[in-house]
Amino acid sequence: MPGFKMKPKKRRRSGFYCDKMGFEFLAYKGLETGSREVVSHVIKQDKIIFAFESSLNPGNEEMGKHLIKHGDGVKDIAFQVEDCDFLIKTAKERGAVVVKEPWVEQDSHGKVKYAVVQTYGDTTHTLIEYMGPYKGLFLPGFKEPLFEDCLLATLPAGGLKFIDHIVGNQPNDEMVPVSDWYEKCLMFHRFWSIDDKQIHTDYSSLRSIVVTNYEETIKMPINEPAPGKRKSQIQEYVDYNGGPGVQHIALNSSDIIQSLTFGTGGSLISSLGYPSALAPPPTTLTPTPTPAHTPV
């Protein structure tokens, strides 16, 4: 589950994913639920969950520094685990930086254990262990969304199924150390690797190692730039992001064309800059004549 750190417009951002991509509001945490520091809007589609968070007060150094350095983006990628204590103990013994030691949160629906480790750049991984069945909407402290958009139920299905992979872009010569970190500290293994002979254009190229967990349900491509006629797109990302970070999140779709044309008339295609040939033809509206005399 990726967690996005946003400026104070998280409701609008999460709403975009619902209106244009078929997500639904799942849960909310904020002042109304007793959270005095952070507000969080959680959305879901099938097995995909995104959490959009913002600080409620000035002086939140963790969020503030991240936004100043990187702008809006992914701060945390959460993994559900079976034994949080064992993973943190092993990761620490193998050199991982533990941002937050394991702690437990609970409410009337059950208990959940968390821990946070540092990965590349300022990105973190939150490990989540459900201590028995959890019957709440999402996690302790979250309640039903404050608002419900009645129009969302009238829209067709978005067709998105699960997170296929999450790409982390690194500076030159950092790909191997980062992929080694996943193998050593989180006990991932190499799933696939490519070099600039396989992925390149006339001007840009890259190298990549894909790491995955034991069940191969999580895939994390770790990319770095390779020499080309011009600056690699990976290096451009690292430069503009202020260091390594999550470049993109790939979502599996049962029907890509359906997902791209979700909602009204291919609006997602237009907003993301996809070729207009994929979008339905525009609809011409005839304006209604205005009466000569009207009380409005």
Protein backbone atom coordinates (compact mmCIF):
# COMPACT_ATOMS: atom_id res chain seq x y z
CA MET A 1 0.00 0.00 0.00
CA PRO A 2 1.67 3.25 -1.10
CA GLY A 3 1.31 6.27 1.15
CA PHE A 4 1.42 9.67 -0.54
CA LYS A 5 2.58 12.79 1.31
CA MET A 6 0.67 15.75 -0.08
CA LYS A 7 0.22 19.47 0.32
CA PRO A 8 -3.22 20.40 1.76
CA LYS A 9 -5.24 19.18 -1.25
CA LYS A 10 -5.34 15.46 -0.47
CA ARG A 11 -9.16 15.23 -0.70
CA ARG A 12 -9.07 16.62 -4.23
CA ARG A 13 -6.22 14.31 -5.24
CA SER A 14 -7.92 11.22 -3.85
CA GLY A 15 -11.15 12.36 -5.53
CA PHE A 16 -9.38 12.43 -8.89
CA TYR A 17 -8.56 8.73 -8.56
CA CYS A 18 -12.21 8.01 -7.75
CA ASP A 19 -13.73 10.18 -10.49
CA LYS A 20 -11.27 9.28 -13.25
CA MET A 21 -9.94 5.81 -12.40
CA GLY A 22 -12.73 3.93 -10.64
CA PHE A 23 -11.49 3.98 -7.04
CA GLU A 24 -13.83 4.31 -4.06
CA PHE A 25 -13.33 6.10 -0.75
CA LEU A 26 -12.56 3.45 1.86
CA ALA A 27 -11.64 5.15 5.13
CA TYR A 28 -10.74 8.47 6.77
CA LYS A 29 -8.61 9.69 9.66
CA GLY A 30 -8.51 13.30 10.83
CA LEU A 31 -9.74 15.74 13.45
CA GLU A 32 -13.20 14.15 13.39
CA THR A 33 -11.72 10.76 14.35
CA GLY A 34 -9.35 12.10 17.03
CA SER A 35 -6.21 12.46 14.92
CA ARG A 36 -4.71 15.87 15.84
CA GLU A 37 -1.58 15.73 13.67
CA VAL A 38 -2.33 13.96 10.38
CA VAL A 39 -5.32 13.74 8.05
CA SER A 40 -5.56 10.71 5.77
CA HIS A 41 -7.94 9.79 2.94
CA VAL A 42 -7.81 6.11 1.93
CA ILE A 43 -9.15 4.87 -1.41
CA LYS A 44 -9.46 1.37 -2.82
CA GLN A 45 -10.09 -0.53 -6.04
CA ASP A 46 -10.05 -4.33 -5.88
CA LYS A 47 -6.69 -5.11 -4.18
CA ILE A 48 -5.19 -1.62 -4.65
CA ILE A 49 -5.13 0.71 -1.64
CA PHE A 50 -3.72 4.26 -1.63
CA ALA A 51 -3.52 6.55 1.41
CA PHE A 52 -3.18 10.32 0.86
CA GLU A 53 -1.87 12.16 3.92
CA SER A 54 -1.21 15.74 4.99
CA SER A 55 -0.15 17.44 8.18
CA LEU A 56 -2.81 19.27 10.17
CA ASN A 57 -0.33 21.54 11.98
CA PRO A 58 2.76 23.54 11.07
CA GLY A 59 6.07 22.14 12.22
CA ASN A 60 5.58 18.56 11.08
CA GLU A 61 9.22 17.96 10.19
CA GLU A 62 8.81 14.53 8.60
CA MET A 63 6.19 15.67 6.09
CA GLY A 64 7.51 19.21 5.77
CA LYS A 65 11.06 18.22 4.85
CA HIS A 66 9.83 15.62 2.38
CA LEU A 67 7.53 18.10 0.61
CA ILE A 68 10.22 20.80 0.49
CA LYS A 69 12.78 18.42 -0.99
CA HIS A 70 10.63 16.26 -3.26
CA GLY A 71 7.19 17.84 -3.64
CA ASP A 72 4.07 15.63 -3.69
CA GLY A 73 4.93 11.97 -4.01
CA VAL A 74 5.18 8.52 -2.47
CA LYS A 75 6.76 8.53 0.99
CA ASP A 76 5.94 5.04 2.22
CA ILE A 77 5.23 1.61 0.71
CA ALA A 78 3.52 -0.68 3.23
CA PHE A 79 3.80 -4.47 3.27
CA GLN A 80 1.50 -6.85 5.14
CA VAL A 81 3.69 -9.36 7.02
CA GLU A 82 3.23 -12.44 9.19
CA ASP A 83 5.88 -11.72 11.84
CA CYS A 84 6.82 -8.06 12.24
CA ASP A 85 9.19 -8.61 15.19
CA PHE A 86 11.23 -11.26 13.36
CA LEU A 87 11.57 -9.17 10.19
CA ILE A 88 12.66 -6.06 12.09
CA LYS A 89 15.15 -8.04 14.19
CA THR A 90 16.61 -9.67 11.07
CA ALA A 91 16.71 -6.42 9.09
CA LYS A 92 18.45 -4.59 11.94
CA GLU A 93 21.05 -7.36 12.32
CA ARG A 94 21.77 -7.07 8.59
CA GLY A 95 22.30 -3.33 8.65
CA ALA A 96 18.86 -1.84 7.95
CA VAL A 97 17.96 1.51 9.50
CA VAL A 98 14.84 1.08 11.66
CA VAL A 99 12.87 4.33 11.66
CA LYS A 100 10.29 3.13 14.18
CA GLU A 101 10.53 0.04 16.35
CA PRO A 102 7.47 -2.25 16.45
CA TRP A 103 4.40 -0.81 18.18
CA VAL A 104 0.77 -1.87 18.53
CA GLU A 105 -2.39 0.09 17.84
CA GLN A 106 -5.88 -1.17 18.60
CA ASP A 107 -9.52 -0.22 18.61
CA SER A 108 -12.79 -2.07 19.05
CA HIS A 109 -12.18 -3.98 15.82
CA GLY A 110 -8.84 -5.56 16.73
CA LYS A 111 -5.07 -5.09 17.08
CA VAL A 112 -2.42 -4.26 14.48
CA LYS A 113 1.37 -4.19 14.89
CA TYR A 114 3.53 -1.80 12.85
CA ALA A 115 7.20 -1.04 12.26
CA VAL A 116 9.00 1.25 9.79
CA VAL A 117 12.34 0.72 8.01
CA GLN A 118 14.29 3.08 5.75
CA THR A 119 14.92 2.10 2.14
CA TYR A 120 16.36 4.17 -0.76
CA GLY A 121 16.43 7.96 -0.38
CA ASP A 122 13.72 9.23 1.95
CA THR A 123 11.36 6.37 1.11
CA THR A 124 10.25 4.03 3.89
CA HIS A 125 8.51 0.67 4.25
CA THR A 126 5.85 0.20 6.91
CA LEU A 127 5.44 -3.44 7.96
CA ILE A 128 1.88 -4.26 9.03
CA GLU A 129 0.97 -7.39 11.02
CA TYR A 130 -2.65 -8.14 11.86
CA MET A 131 -2.72 -9.67 15.34
CA GLY A 132 -5.77 -11.80 14.72
CA PRO A 133 -8.70 -10.96 12.44
CA TYR A 134 -9.21 -7.21 12.08
CA LYS A 135 -12.85 -6.32 11.47
CA GLY A 136 -12.51 -2.60 10.86
CA LEU A 137 -12.70 -0.76 7.54
CA PHE A 138 -8.94 -0.35 7.23
CA LEU A 139 -6.67 0.13 10.28
CA PRO A 140 -7.13 1.31 13.88
CA GLY A 141 -8.00 5.00 14.05
CA PHE A 142 -9.76 5.06 10.67
CA LYS A 143 -13.50 5.47 10.25
CA GLU A 144 -15.95 5.78 7.40
CA PRO A 145 -15.28 8.57 4.87
CA LEU A 146 -16.83 11.91 5.77
CA PHE A 147 -18.37 12.37 2.34
CA GLU A 148 -19.89 9.98 -0.16
CA ASP A 149 -20.07 10.91 -3.83
CA CYS A 150 -23.42 9.55 -4.99
CA LEU A 151 -22.32 9.72 -8.63
CA LEU A 152 -19.49 7.20 -8.21
CA ALA A 153 -21.97 4.32 -8.00
CA THR A 154 -23.32 5.23 -11.44
CA LEU A 155 -19.91 5.01 -13.18
CA PRO A 156 -18.67 1.83 -14.88
CA ALA A 157 -16.01 -0.37 -13.30
CA GLY A 158 -12.45 0.92 -13.58
CA GLY A 159 -11.03 -2.53 -14.29
CA LEU A 160 -7.88 -2.10 -12.13
CA LYS A 161 -6.98 -5.23 -10.16
CA PHE A 162 -3.75 -4.96 -8.17
CA ILE A 163 -0.39 -3.21 -7.98
CA ASP A 164 1.81 -4.89 -10.57
CA HIS A 165 5.07 -3.23 -9.56
CA ILE A 166 6.54 -0.10 -7.97
CA VAL A 167 9.63 1.43 -9.57
CA GLY A 168 12.41 3.05 -7.55
CA ASN A 169 14.82 5.26 -9.52
CA GLN A 170 18.40 5.56 -8.24
CA PRO A 171 21.46 7.67 -9.12
CA ASN A 172 24.19 6.04 -11.17
CA ASP A 173 25.93 3.06 -9.51
CA GLU A 174 23.26 2.77 -6.80
CA MET A 175 21.08 0.09 -8.42
CA VAL A 176 23.12 -2.91 -7.23
CA PRO A 177 23.57 -1.71 -3.60
CA VAL A 178 19.83 -1.02 -3.31
CA SER A 179 18.79 -4.37 -4.81
CA ASP A 180 21.32 -6.07 -2.51
CA TRP A 181 19.69 -4.28 0.44
CA TYR A 182 16.31 -5.86 -0.40
CA GLU A 183 17.89 -9.30 -0.73
CA LYS A 184 19.81 -8.98 2.53
CA CYS A 185 17.49 -7.02 4.80
CA LEU A 186 14.00 -8.01 3.60
CA MET A 187 14.95 -11.44 2.21
CA PHE A 188 13.75 -10.66 -1.31
CA HIS A 189 15.37 -12.31 -4.34
CA ARG A 190 16.19 -11.22 -7.87
CA PHE A 191 13.32 -11.79 -10.26
CA TRP A 192 14.68 -10.25 -13.47
CA SER A 193 17.39 -7.90 -14.67
CA ILE A 194 18.11 -5.92 -17.85
CA ASP A 195 20.80 -3.55 -19.06
CA ASP A 196 20.99 -0.61 -21.45
CA LYS A 197 21.39 -2.96 -24.44
CA GLN A 198 17.80 -4.13 -23.92
CA ILE A 199 16.06 -0.91 -22.86
CA HIS A 200 17.18 2.19 -24.72
CA THR A 201 16.25 4.76 -27.32
CA ASP A 202 18.55 6.82 -29.50
CA TYR A 203 18.85 9.31 -26.63
CA SER A 204 18.04 7.63 -23.30
CA SER A 205 18.73 4.26 -21.68
CA LEU A 206 18.59 2.53 -18.30
CA ARG A 207 19.56 -0.52 -16.30
CA SER A 208 17.17 -2.34 -13.96
CA ILE A 209 17.08 -5.14 -11.40
CA VAL A 210 13.67 -6.41 -10.30
CA VAL A 211 13.49 -7.78 -6.77
CA THR A 212 10.56 -9.73 -5.36
CA ASN A 213 9.40 -11.45 -2.18
CA TYR A 214 9.37 -15.22 -1.65
CA GLU A 215 5.86 -15.67 -3.09
CA GLU A 216 6.70 -13.28 -5.95
CA THR A 217 3.59 -11.22 -5.24
CA ILE A 218 5.58 -7.99 -4.73
CA LYS A 219 7.80 -6.71 -7.52
CA MET A 220 10.15 -3.74 -7.11
CA PRO A 221 12.18 -2.72 -10.18
CA ILE A 222 15.28 -0.79 -9.10
CA ASN A 223 16.47 1.43 -11.97
CA GLU A 224 19.59 3.50 -12.62
CA PRO A 225 20.64 5.64 -15.61
CA ALA A 226 22.91 4.43 -18.38
CA PRO A 227 24.95 6.55 -20.82
CA GLY A 228 23.20 7.82 -23.95
CA LYS A 229 23.27 10.70 -26.39
CA ARG A 230 21.29 12.74 -23.88
CA LYS A 231 20.52 12.57 -20.18
CA SER A 232 18.71 9.37 -19.19
CA GLN A 233 15.08 9.69 -18.10
CA ILE A 234 16.15 8.01 -14.85
CA GLN A 235 18.73 10.73 -14.18
CA GLU A 236 16.17 13.41 -15.05
CA TYR A 237 13.83 11.96 -12.42
CA VAL A 238 16.59 11.81 -9.79
CA ASP A 239 17.56 15.44 -10.55
CA TYR A 240 14.01 16.81 -10.37
CA ASN A 241 13.03 14.65 -7.39
CA GLY A 242 16.05 15.74 -5.38
CA GLY A 243 17.38 12.20 -5.07
CA PRO A 244 16.14 8.61 -5.41
CA GLY A 245 12.44 7.86 -5.04
CA VAL A 246 9.36 6.12 -6.40
CA GLN A 247 9.04 7.00 -10.08
CA HIS A 248 5.79 5.22 -10.88
CA ILE A 249 3.28 2.66 -9.66
CA ALA A 250 2.09 0.17 -12.30
CA LEU A 251 -1.51 -1.05 -11.96
CA ASN A 252 -2.74 -4.31 -13.46
CA SER A 253 -5.87 -3.93 -15.59
CA SER A 254 -8.21 -6.54 -17.00
CA ASP A 255 -8.96 -4.18 -19.90
CA ILE A 256 -6.54 -1.29 -20.52
CA ILE A 257 -8.80 0.53 -22.99
CA GLN A 258 -11.73 0.32 -20.57
CA SER A 259 -9.57 1.63 -17.73
CA LEU A 260 -8.26 4.52 -19.84
CA THR A 261 -11.72 5.53 -21.01
CA PHE A 262 -13.28 5.16 -17.55
CA GLY A 263 -15.95 7.67 -16.63
CA THR A 264 -17.10 10.27 -19.09
CA GLY A 265 -15.82 10.25 -22.63
CA GLY A 266 -12.18 9.31 -22.15
CA SER A 267 -11.48 12.11 -19.68
CA LEU A 268 -8.59 10.15 -18.13
CA ILE A 269 -6.95 9.82 -21.55
CA SER A 270 -7.19 13.55 -22.13
CA SER A 271 -6.00 14.53 -18.66
CA LEU A 272 -2.95 12.24 -18.82
CA GLY A 273 -1.99 13.19 -22.37
CA TYR A 274 -2.64 9.87 -24.11
CA PRO A 275 -3.16 9.87 -27.90
CA SER A 276 -6.53 11.31 -28.76
CA ALA A 277 -7.12 8.43 -31.20
CA LEU A 278 -7.92 6.26 -28.17
CA ALA A 279 -10.61 8.62 -26.91
CA PRO A 280 -14.24 8.55 -28.10
CA PRO A 281 -15.26 11.30 -30.53
CA PRO A 282 -16.33 14.56 -28.86
CA THR A 283 -20.02 15.23 -28.33
CA THR A 284 -21.50 18.45 -29.72
CA LEU A 285 -23.98 20.18 -27.43
CA THR A 286 -26.59 22.57 -28.77
CA PRO A 287 -27.17 25.48 -26.35
CA THR A 288 -30.72 26.08 -25.17
CA PRO A 289 -32.08 29.47 -26.30
CA THR A 290 -32.31 31.98 -23.46
CA PRO A 291 -35.81 33.50 -22.94
CA ALA A 292 -36.10 37.19 -23.61
CA HIS A 293 -37.44 37.81 -20.11
CA THR A 294 -36.41 35.70 -17.16
CA PRO A 295 -36.49 36.31 -13.40
CA VAL A 296 -33.06 34.69 -12.98
